[in-house]
């Protein structure tokens, strides 16, 4: 078995109005001028777990993301997977 660390970023799909991001953009713009400011709100999850190999780890974390972490109707997710040393 190998140890893996997965980071899963979950956010609203581009077609869904991101009210938190709009509020953040307004607040930042009232504080400081940032060129071409774009904001997106979301959640980040970090999981460490054991799996037989990288493909097994990818399949397991994808299932977790699709079934638990993200609502596929309005959200999308991105997975970053790395093998842990030790």
PDB file of N, CA and C in Angstrom:
ATOM      1  N   UNK A   1       0.842  -1.190   0.000  1.00  0.00           N
ATOM      2  CA  UNK A   1       0.000   0.000   0.000  1.00  0.00           C
ATOM      3  C   UNK A   1       0.879   1.242   0.000  1.00  0.00           C
ATOM      4  N   UNK A   2       0.373   2.256  -0.643  1.00  0.00           N
ATOM      5  CA  UNK A   2       1.056   3.548  -0.688  1.00  0.00           C
ATOM      6  C   UNK A   2       0.158   4.594  -0.037  1.00  0.00           C
ATOM      7  N   UNK A   3       0.768   5.650   0.464  1.00  0.00           N
ATOM      8  CA  UNK A   3       0.039   6.733   1.117  1.00  0.00           C
ATOM      9  C   UNK A   3      -0.115   7.880   0.122  1.00  0.00           C
ATOM     10  N   UNK A   4      -1.330   8.425   0.036  1.00  0.00           N
ATOM     11  CA  UNK A   4      -1.616   9.520  -0.883  1.00  0.00           C
ATOM     12  C   UNK A   4      -2.256  10.689  -0.144  1.00  0.00           C
ATOM     13  N   UNK A   5      -2.037  11.860  -0.687  1.00  0.00           N
ATOM     14  CA  UNK A   5      -2.693  13.075  -0.195  1.00  0.00           C
ATOM     15  C   UNK A   5      -3.458  13.668  -1.372  1.00  0.00           C
ATOM     16  N   UNK A   6      -4.748  13.869  -1.172  1.00  0.00           N
ATOM     17  CA  UNK A   6      -5.595  14.451  -2.206  1.00  0.00           C
ATOM     18  C   UNK A   6      -6.141  15.780  -1.719  1.00  0.00           C
ATOM     19  N   UNK A   7      -6.079  16.756  -2.590  1.00  0.00           N
ATOM     20  CA  UNK A   7      -6.713  18.049  -2.337  1.00  0.00           C
ATOM     21  C   UNK A   7      -7.822  18.183  -3.359  1.00  0.00           C
ATOM     22  N   UNK A   8      -9.030  18.427  -2.871  1.00  0.00           N
ATOM     23  CA  UNK A   8     -10.184  18.551  -3.751  1.00  0.00           C
ATOM     24  C   UNK A   8     -10.753  19.962  -3.589  1.00  0.00           C
ATOM     25  N   UNK A   9     -10.735  20.719  -4.682  1.00  0.00           N
ATOM     26  CA  UNK A   9     -11.319  22.057  -4.696  1.00  0.00           C
ATOM     27  C   UNK A   9     -12.702  21.959  -5.327  1.00  0.00           C
ATOM     28  N   UNK A  10     -13.697  22.468  -4.623  1.00  0.00           N
ATOM     29  CA  UNK A  10     -15.079  22.421  -5.091  1.00  0.00           C
ATOM     30  C   UNK A  10     -15.598  23.850  -5.194  1.00  0.00           C
ATOM     31  N   UNK A  11     -16.177  24.174  -6.339  1.00  0.00           N
ATOM     32  CA  UNK A  11     -16.737  25.513  -6.535  1.00  0.00           C
ATOM     33  C   UNK A  11     -17.939  25.450  -7.460  1.00  0.00           C
ATOM     34  N   UNK A  12     -18.632  26.555  -7.526  1.00  0.00           N
ATOM     35  CA  UNK A  12     -19.810  26.620  -8.385  1.00  0.00           C
ATOM     36  C   UNK A  12     -19.413  26.582  -9.857  1.00  0.00           C
ATOM     37  N   UNK A  13     -20.265  25.980 -10.673  1.00  0.00           N
ATOM     38  CA  UNK A  13     -20.044  25.979 -12.118  1.00  0.00           C
ATOM     39  C   UNK A  13     -20.144  27.422 -12.630  1.00  0.00           C
ATOM     40  N   UNK A  14     -19.479  27.729 -13.736  1.00  0.00           N
ATOM     41  CA  UNK A  14     -19.505  29.093 -14.263  1.00  0.00           C
ATOM     42  C   UNK A  14     -20.909  29.615 -14.596  1.00  0.00           C
ATOM     43  N   UNK A  15     -21.840  28.720 -14.842  1.00  0.00           N
ATOM     44  CA  UNK A  15     -23.206  29.133 -15.181  1.00  0.00           C
ATOM     45  C   UNK A  15     -24.060  29.474 -13.962  1.00  0.00           C
ATOM     46  N   UNK A  16     -23.536  29.228 -12.766  1.00  0.00           N
ATOM     47  CA  UNK A  16     -24.265  29.483 -11.523  1.00  0.00           C
ATOM     48  C   UNK A  16     -23.769  30.794 -10.912  1.00  0.00           C
ATOM     49  N   UNK A  17     -24.686  31.648 -10.496  1.00  0.00           N
ATOM     50  CA  UNK A  17     -24.324  32.933  -9.894  1.00  0.00           C
ATOM     51  C   UNK A  17     -23.611  32.694  -8.558  1.00  0.00           C
ATOM     52  N   UNK A  18     -22.391  33.176  -8.458  1.00  0.00           N
ATOM     53  CA  UNK A  18     -21.553  32.993  -7.273  1.00  0.00           C
ATOM     54  C   UNK A  18     -21.658  34.250  -6.400  1.00  0.00           C
ATOM     55  N   UNK A  19     -22.663  34.279  -5.538  1.00  0.00           N
ATOM     56  CA  UNK A  19     -22.954  35.458  -4.716  1.00  0.00           C
ATOM     57  C   UNK A  19     -21.790  35.780  -3.773  1.00  0.00           C
ATOM     58  N   UNK A  20     -21.170  34.772  -3.196  1.00  0.00           N
ATOM     59  CA  UNK A  20     -20.030  35.008  -2.296  1.00  0.00           C
ATOM     60  C   UNK A  20     -18.879  35.669  -3.051  1.00  0.00           C
ATOM     61  N   UNK A  21     -18.614  35.213  -4.258  1.00  0.00           N
ATOM     62  CA  UNK A  21     -17.530  35.791  -5.059  1.00  0.00           C
ATOM     63  C   UNK A  21     -17.849  37.228  -5.459  1.00  0.00           C
ATOM     64  N   UNK A  22     -19.094  37.504  -5.774  1.00  0.00           N
ATOM     65  CA  UNK A  22     -19.504  38.871  -6.118  1.00  0.00           C
ATOM     66  C   UNK A  22     -19.313  39.790  -4.920  1.00  0.00           C
ATOM     67  N   UNK A  23     -19.713  39.319  -3.744  1.00  0.00           N
ATOM     68  CA  UNK A  23     -19.544  40.098  -2.512  1.00  0.00           C
ATOM     69  C   UNK A  23     -18.064  40.328  -2.218  1.00  0.00           C
ATOM     70  N   UNK A  24     -17.252  39.306  -2.392  1.00  0.00           N
ATOM     71  CA  UNK A  24     -15.812  39.437  -2.184  1.00  0.00           C
ATOM     72  C   UNK A  24     -15.217  40.458  -3.148  1.00  0.00           C
ATOM     73  N   UNK A  25     -15.587  40.390  -4.401  1.00  0.00           N
ATOM     74  CA  UNK A  25     -15.065  41.318  -5.406  1.00  0.00           C
ATOM     75  C   UNK A  25     -15.429  42.756  -5.063  1.00  0.00           C
ATOM     76  N   UNK A  26     -16.667  42.961  -4.637  1.00  0.00           N
ATOM     77  CA  UNK A  26     -17.104  44.304  -4.241  1.00  0.00           C
ATOM     78  C   UNK A  26     -16.299  44.809  -3.051  1.00  0.00           C
ATOM     79  N   UNK A  27     -16.072  43.953  -2.066  1.00  0.00           N
ATOM     80  CA  UNK A  27     -15.329  44.351  -0.869  1.00  0.00           C
ATOM     81  C   UNK A  27     -13.875  44.674  -1.204  1.00  0.00           C
ATOM     82  N   UNK A  28     -13.252  43.832  -2.009  1.00  0.00           N
ATOM     83  CA  UNK A  28     -11.857  44.061  -2.399  1.00  0.00           C
ATOM     84  C   UNK A  28     -11.742  45.349  -3.203  1.00  0.00           C
ATOM     85  N   UNK A  29     -12.659  45.544  -4.134  1.00  0.00           N
ATOM     86  CA  UNK A  29     -12.623  46.745  -4.969  1.00  0.00           C
ATOM     87  C   UNK A  29     -12.798  48.020  -4.151  1.00  0.00           C
ATOM     88  N   UNK A  30     -13.529  47.932  -3.040  1.00  0.00           N
ATOM     89  CA  UNK A  30     -13.700  49.081  -2.154  1.00  0.00           C
ATOM     90  C   UNK A  30     -12.472  49.350  -1.304  1.00  0.00           C
ATOM     91  N   UNK A  31     -11.584  48.385  -1.207  1.00  0.00           N
ATOM     92  CA  UNK A  31     -10.386  48.501  -0.372  1.00  0.00           C
ATOM     93  C   UNK A  31      -9.144  48.851  -1.176  1.00  0.00           C
ATOM     94  N   UNK A  32      -8.962  48.185  -2.297  1.00  0.00           N
ATOM     95  CA  UNK A  32      -7.754  48.369  -3.097  1.00  0.00           C
ATOM     96  C   UNK A  32      -8.084  48.089  -4.561  1.00  0.00           C
ATOM     97  N   UNK A  33      -7.382  48.755  -5.458  1.00  0.00           N
ATOM     98  CA  UNK A  33      -7.611  48.529  -6.881  1.00  0.00           C
ATOM     99  C   UNK A  33      -6.703  47.407  -7.367  1.00  0.00           C
ATOM    100  N   UNK A  34      -7.299  46.341  -7.849  1.00  0.00           N
ATOM    101  CA  UNK A  34      -6.558  45.216  -8.417  1.00  0.00           C
ATOM    102  C   UNK A  34      -6.968  45.081  -9.884  1.00  0.00           C
ATOM    103  N   UNK A  35      -5.990  45.047 -10.756  1.00  0.00           N
ATOM    104  CA  UNK A  35      -6.258  44.947 -12.188  1.00  0.00           C
ATOM    105  C   UNK A  35      -6.912  43.615 -12.541  1.00  0.00           C
ATOM    106  N   UNK A  36      -7.960  43.659 -13.354  1.00  0.00           N
ATOM    107  CA  UNK A  36      -8.635  42.457 -13.862  1.00  0.00           C
ATOM    108  C   UNK A  36      -8.991  41.448 -12.771  1.00  0.00           C
ATOM    109  N   UNK A  37      -9.532  41.938 -11.669  1.00  0.00           N
ATOM    110  CA  UNK A  37      -9.881  41.086 -10.531  1.00  0.00           C
ATOM    111  C   UNK A  37     -11.013  40.129 -10.891  1.00  0.00           C
ATOM    112  N   UNK A  38     -10.787  38.854 -10.641  1.00  0.00           N
ATOM    113  CA  UNK A  38     -11.806  37.818 -10.769  1.00  0.00           C
ATOM    114  C   UNK A  38     -11.827  37.068  -9.454  1.00  0.00           C
ATOM    115  N   UNK A  39     -13.000  36.720  -8.976  1.00  0.00           N
ATOM    116  CA  UNK A  39     -13.136  36.008  -7.708  1.00  0.00           C
ATOM    117  C   UNK A  39     -13.996  34.769  -7.907  1.00  0.00           C
ATOM    118  N   UNK A  40     -13.674  33.740  -7.156  1.00  0.00           N
ATOM    119  CA  UNK A  40     -14.473  32.527  -7.157  1.00  0.00           C
ATOM    120  C   UNK A  40     -14.427  31.963  -5.741  1.00  0.00           C
ATOM    121  N   UNK A  41     -15.580  31.683  -5.183  1.00  0.00           N
ATOM    122  CA  UNK A  41     -15.656  31.115  -3.840  1.00  0.00           C
ATOM    123  C   UNK A  41     -15.785  29.596  -3.955  1.00  0.00           C
ATOM    124  N   UNK A  42     -15.363  28.908  -2.922  1.00  0.00           N
ATOM    125  CA  UNK A  42     -15.474  27.462  -2.938  1.00  0.00           C
ATOM    126  C   UNK A  42     -14.958  26.855  -1.650  1.00  0.00           C
ATOM    127  N   UNK A  43     -14.799  25.570  -1.670  1.00  0.00           N
ATOM    128  CA  UNK A  43     -14.288  24.823  -0.519  1.00  0.00           C
ATOM    129  C   UNK A  43     -13.114  23.967  -0.952  1.00  0.00           C
ATOM    130  N   UNK A  44     -12.165  23.801  -0.035  1.00  0.00           N
ATOM    131  CA  UNK A  44     -11.002  22.943  -0.277  1.00  0.00           C
ATOM    132  C   UNK A  44     -10.990  21.855   0.792  1.00  0.00           C
ATOM    133  N   UNK A  45     -10.860  20.627   0.337  1.00  0.00           N
ATOM    134  CA  UNK A  45     -10.798  19.470   1.230  1.00  0.00           C
ATOM    135  C   UNK A  45      -9.463  18.760   1.021  1.00  0.00           C
ATOM    136  N   UNK A  46      -8.835  18.360   2.105  1.00  0.00           N
ATOM    137  CA  UNK A  46      -7.586  17.608   2.034  1.00  0.00           C
ATOM    138  C   UNK A  46      -7.797  16.268   2.726  1.00  0.00           C
ATOM    139  N   UNK A  47      -7.470  15.203   2.027  1.00  0.00           N
ATOM    140  CA  UNK A  47      -7.636  13.853   2.557  1.00  0.00           C
ATOM    141  C   UNK A  47      -6.336  13.087   2.374  1.00  0.00           C
ATOM    142  N   UNK A  48      -5.904  12.366   3.406  1.00  0.00           N
ATOM    143  CA  UNK A  48      -4.761  11.466   3.307  1.00  0.00           C
ATOM    144  C   UNK A  48      -5.279  10.049   3.512  1.00  0.00           C
ATOM    145  N   UNK A  49      -4.834   9.139   2.648  1.00  0.00           N
ATOM    146  CA  UNK A  49      -5.349   7.771   2.702  1.00  0.00           C
ATOM    147  C   UNK A  49      -4.377   6.815   2.014  1.00  0.00           C
ATOM    148  N   UNK A  50      -4.593   5.535   2.222  1.00  0.00           N
ATOM    149  CA  UNK A  50      -3.779   4.498   1.601  1.00  0.00           C
ATOM    150  C   UNK A  50      -4.531   3.904   0.417  1.00  0.00           C
ATOM    151  N   UNK A  51      -3.761   3.561  -0.623  1.00  0.00           N
ATOM    152  CA  UNK A  51      -4.318   2.902  -1.802  1.00  0.00           C
ATOM    153  C   UNK A  51      -3.241   2.020  -2.419  1.00  0.00           C
ATOM    154  N   UNK A  52      -3.669   1.072  -3.230  1.00  0.00           N
ATOM    155  CA  UNK A  52      -2.730   0.138  -3.856  1.00  0.00           C
ATOM    156  C   UNK A  52      -1.748   0.853  -4.787  1.00  0.00           C
ATOM    157  N   UNK A  53      -2.271   1.802  -5.577  1.00  0.00           N
ATOM    158  CA  UNK A  53      -1.436   2.521  -6.543  1.00  0.00           C
ATOM    159  C   UNK A  53      -2.132   3.845  -6.894  1.00  0.00           C
ATOM    160  N   UNK A  54      -1.527   4.613  -7.781  1.00  0.00           N
ATOM    161  CA  UNK A  54      -2.077   5.933  -8.113  1.00  0.00           C
ATOM    162  C   UNK A  54      -3.442   5.843  -8.780  1.00  0.00           C
ATOM    163  N   UNK A  55      -3.626   4.888  -9.669  1.00  0.00           N
ATOM    164  CA  UNK A  55      -4.919   4.727 -10.340  1.00  0.00           C
ATOM    165  C   UNK A  55      -6.015   4.395  -9.335  1.00  0.00           C
ATOM    166  N   UNK A  56      -5.719   3.511  -8.405  1.00  0.00           N
ATOM    167  CA  UNK A  56      -6.672   3.157  -7.350  1.00  0.00           C
ATOM    168  C   UNK A  56      -7.005   4.392  -6.510  1.00  0.00           C
ATOM    169  N   UNK A  57      -5.984   5.169  -6.169  1.00  0.00           N
ATOM    170  CA  UNK A  57      -6.193   6.397  -5.384  1.00  0.00           C
ATOM    171  C   UNK A  57      -7.061   7.392  -6.145  1.00  0.00           C
ATOM    172  N   UNK A  58      -6.781   7.559  -7.438  1.00  0.00           N
ATOM    173  CA  UNK A  58      -7.572   8.475  -8.263  1.00  0.00           C
ATOM    174  C   UNK A  58      -9.032   8.048  -8.314  1.00  0.00           C
ATOM    175  N   UNK A  59      -9.268   6.776  -8.520  1.00  0.00           N
ATOM    176  CA  UNK A  59     -10.643   6.267  -8.599  1.00  0.00           C
ATOM    177  C   UNK A  59     -11.389   6.465  -7.284  1.00  0.00           C
ATOM    178  N   UNK A  60     -10.708   6.209  -6.173  1.00  0.00           N
ATOM    179  CA  UNK A  60     -11.353   6.356  -4.867  1.00  0.00           C
ATOM    180  C   UNK A  60     -11.686   7.811  -4.560  1.00  0.00           C
ATOM    181  N   UNK A  61     -10.750   8.714  -4.812  1.00  0.00           N
ATOM    182  CA  UNK A  61     -10.992  10.113  -4.466  1.00  0.00           C
ATOM    183  C   UNK A  61     -12.009  10.741  -5.421  1.00  0.00           C
ATOM    184  N   UNK A  62     -12.035  10.287  -6.663  1.00  0.00           N
ATOM    185  CA  UNK A  62     -13.051  10.765  -7.602  1.00  0.00           C
ATOM    186  C   UNK A  62     -14.448  10.379  -7.126  1.00  0.00           C
ATOM    187  N   UNK A  63     -14.598   9.160  -6.632  1.00  0.00           N
ATOM    188  CA  UNK A  63     -15.886   8.712  -6.104  1.00  0.00           C
ATOM    189  C   UNK A  63     -16.304   9.565  -4.910  1.00  0.00           C
ATOM    190  N   UNK A  64     -15.361   9.846  -4.014  1.00  0.00           N
ATOM    191  CA  UNK A  64     -15.653  10.696  -2.848  1.00  0.00           C
ATOM    192  C   UNK A  64     -16.087  12.092  -3.302  1.00  0.00           C
ATOM    193  N   UNK A  65     -15.354  12.651  -4.262  1.00  0.00           N
ATOM    194  CA  UNK A  65     -15.685  13.993  -4.754  1.00  0.00           C
ATOM    195  C   UNK A  65     -17.075  14.025  -5.375  1.00  0.00           C
ATOM    196  N   UNK A  66     -17.384  13.046  -6.193  1.00  0.00           N
ATOM    197  CA  UNK A  66     -18.668  13.023  -6.899  1.00  0.00           C
ATOM    198  C   UNK A  66     -19.848  12.701  -5.993  1.00  0.00           C
ATOM    199  N   UNK A  67     -19.647  11.826  -5.020  1.00  0.00           N
ATOM    200  CA  UNK A  67     -20.767  11.371  -4.189  1.00  0.00           C
ATOM    201  C   UNK A  67     -20.952  12.171  -2.896  1.00  0.00           C
ATOM    202  N   UNK A  68     -19.882  12.797  -2.396  1.00  0.00           N
ATOM    203  CA  UNK A  68     -19.967  13.460  -1.093  1.00  0.00           C
ATOM    204  C   UNK A  68     -19.642  14.950  -1.154  1.00  0.00           C
ATOM    205  N   UNK A  69     -18.549  15.309  -1.805  1.00  0.00           N
ATOM    206  CA  UNK A  69     -18.047  16.671  -1.697  1.00  0.00           C
ATOM    207  C   UNK A  69     -18.714  17.680  -2.633  1.00  0.00           C
ATOM    208  N   UNK A  70     -19.100  17.256  -3.819  1.00  0.00           N
ATOM    209  CA  UNK A  70     -19.644  18.193  -4.804  1.00  0.00           C
ATOM    210  C   UNK A  70     -21.064  17.817  -5.212  1.00  0.00           C
ATOM    211  N   UNK A  71     -21.878  18.830  -5.391  1.00  0.00           N
ATOM    212  CA  UNK A  71     -23.217  18.658  -5.939  1.00  0.00           C
ATOM    213  C   UNK A  71     -23.097  18.850  -7.447  1.00  0.00           C
ATOM    214  N   UNK A  72     -23.173  17.768  -8.205  1.00  0.00           N
ATOM    215  CA  UNK A  72     -22.893  17.819  -9.639  1.00  0.00           C
ATOM    216  C   UNK A  72     -23.846  18.715 -10.432  1.00  0.00           C
ATOM    217  N   UNK A  73     -24.971  19.068  -9.868  1.00  0.00           N
ATOM    218  CA  UNK A  73     -25.920  19.934 -10.560  1.00  0.00           C
ATOM    219  C   UNK A  73     -25.385  21.360 -10.641  1.00  0.00           C
ATOM    220  N   UNK A  74     -24.766  21.842  -9.559  1.00  0.00           N
ATOM    221  CA  UNK A  74     -24.329  23.237  -9.524  1.00  0.00           C
ATOM    222  C   UNK A  74     -22.834  23.427  -9.283  1.00  0.00           C
ATOM    223  N   UNK A  75     -22.124  22.355  -8.954  1.00  0.00           N
ATOM    224  CA  UNK A  75     -20.711  22.489  -8.606  1.00  0.00           C
ATOM    225  C   UNK A  75     -19.818  21.646  -9.505  1.00  0.00           C
ATOM    226  N   UNK A  76     -18.567  22.087  -9.588  1.00  0.00           N
ATOM    227  CA  UNK A  76     -17.539  21.320 -10.265  1.00  0.00           C
ATOM    228  C   UNK A  76     -16.384  21.136  -9.284  1.00  0.00           C
ATOM    229  N   UNK A  77     -15.526  20.181  -9.573  1.00  0.00           N
ATOM    230  CA  UNK A  77     -14.418  19.926  -8.652  1.00  0.00           C
ATOM    231  C   UNK A  77     -13.132  19.691  -9.431  1.00  0.00           C
ATOM    232  N   UNK A  78     -12.036  19.893  -8.718  1.00  0.00           N
ATOM    233  CA  UNK A  78     -10.699  19.648  -9.254  1.00  0.00           C
ATOM    234  C   UNK A  78      -9.941  18.847  -8.204  1.00  0.00           C
ATOM    235  N   UNK A  79      -9.249  17.803  -8.639  1.00  0.00           N
ATOM    236  CA  UNK A  79      -8.486  16.947  -7.716  1.00  0.00           C
ATOM    237  C   UNK A  79      -7.009  17.089  -8.004  1.00  0.00           C
ATOM    238  N   UNK A  80      -6.248  17.286  -6.932  1.00  0.00           N
ATOM    239  CA  UNK A  80      -4.791  17.269  -7.007  1.00  0.00           C
ATOM    240  C   UNK A  80      -4.332  16.133  -6.109  1.00  0.00           C
ATOM    241  N   UNK A  81      -3.626  15.178  -6.665  1.00  0.00           N
ATOM    242  CA  UNK A  81      -3.241  13.978  -5.941  1.00  0.00           C
ATOM    243  C   UNK A  81      -1.722  13.859  -5.937  1.00  0.00           C
ATOM    244  N   UNK A  82      -1.185  13.535  -4.765  1.00  0.00           N
ATOM    245  CA  UNK A  82       0.264  13.313  -4.660  1.00  0.00           C
ATOM    246  C   UNK A  82       0.543  12.149  -3.726  1.00  0.00           C
ATOM    247  N   UNK A  83       1.617  11.464  -4.014  1.00  0.00           N
ATOM    248  CA  UNK A  83       2.034  10.369  -3.150  1.00  0.00           C
ATOM    249  C   UNK A  83       2.842  10.933  -1.992  1.00  0.00           C
ATOM    250  N   UNK A  84       2.558  10.471  -0.800  1.00  0.00           N
ATOM    251  CA  UNK A  84       3.266  10.931   0.393  1.00  0.00           C
ATOM    252  C   UNK A  84       4.510  10.078   0.617  1.00  0.00           C
ATOM    253  N   UNK A  85       5.558  10.702   1.044  1.00  0.00           N
ATOM    254  CA  UNK A  85       6.794   9.981   1.375  1.00  0.00           C
ATOM    255  C   UNK A  85       6.816   9.721   2.867  1.00  0.00           C
ATOM    256  N   UNK A  86       6.695   8.489   3.229  1.00  0.00           N
ATOM    257  CA  UNK A  86       6.775   8.122   4.644  1.00  0.00           C
ATOM    258  C   UNK A  86       5.496   8.149   5.282  1.00  0.00           C
TER     259      UNK A  86
END
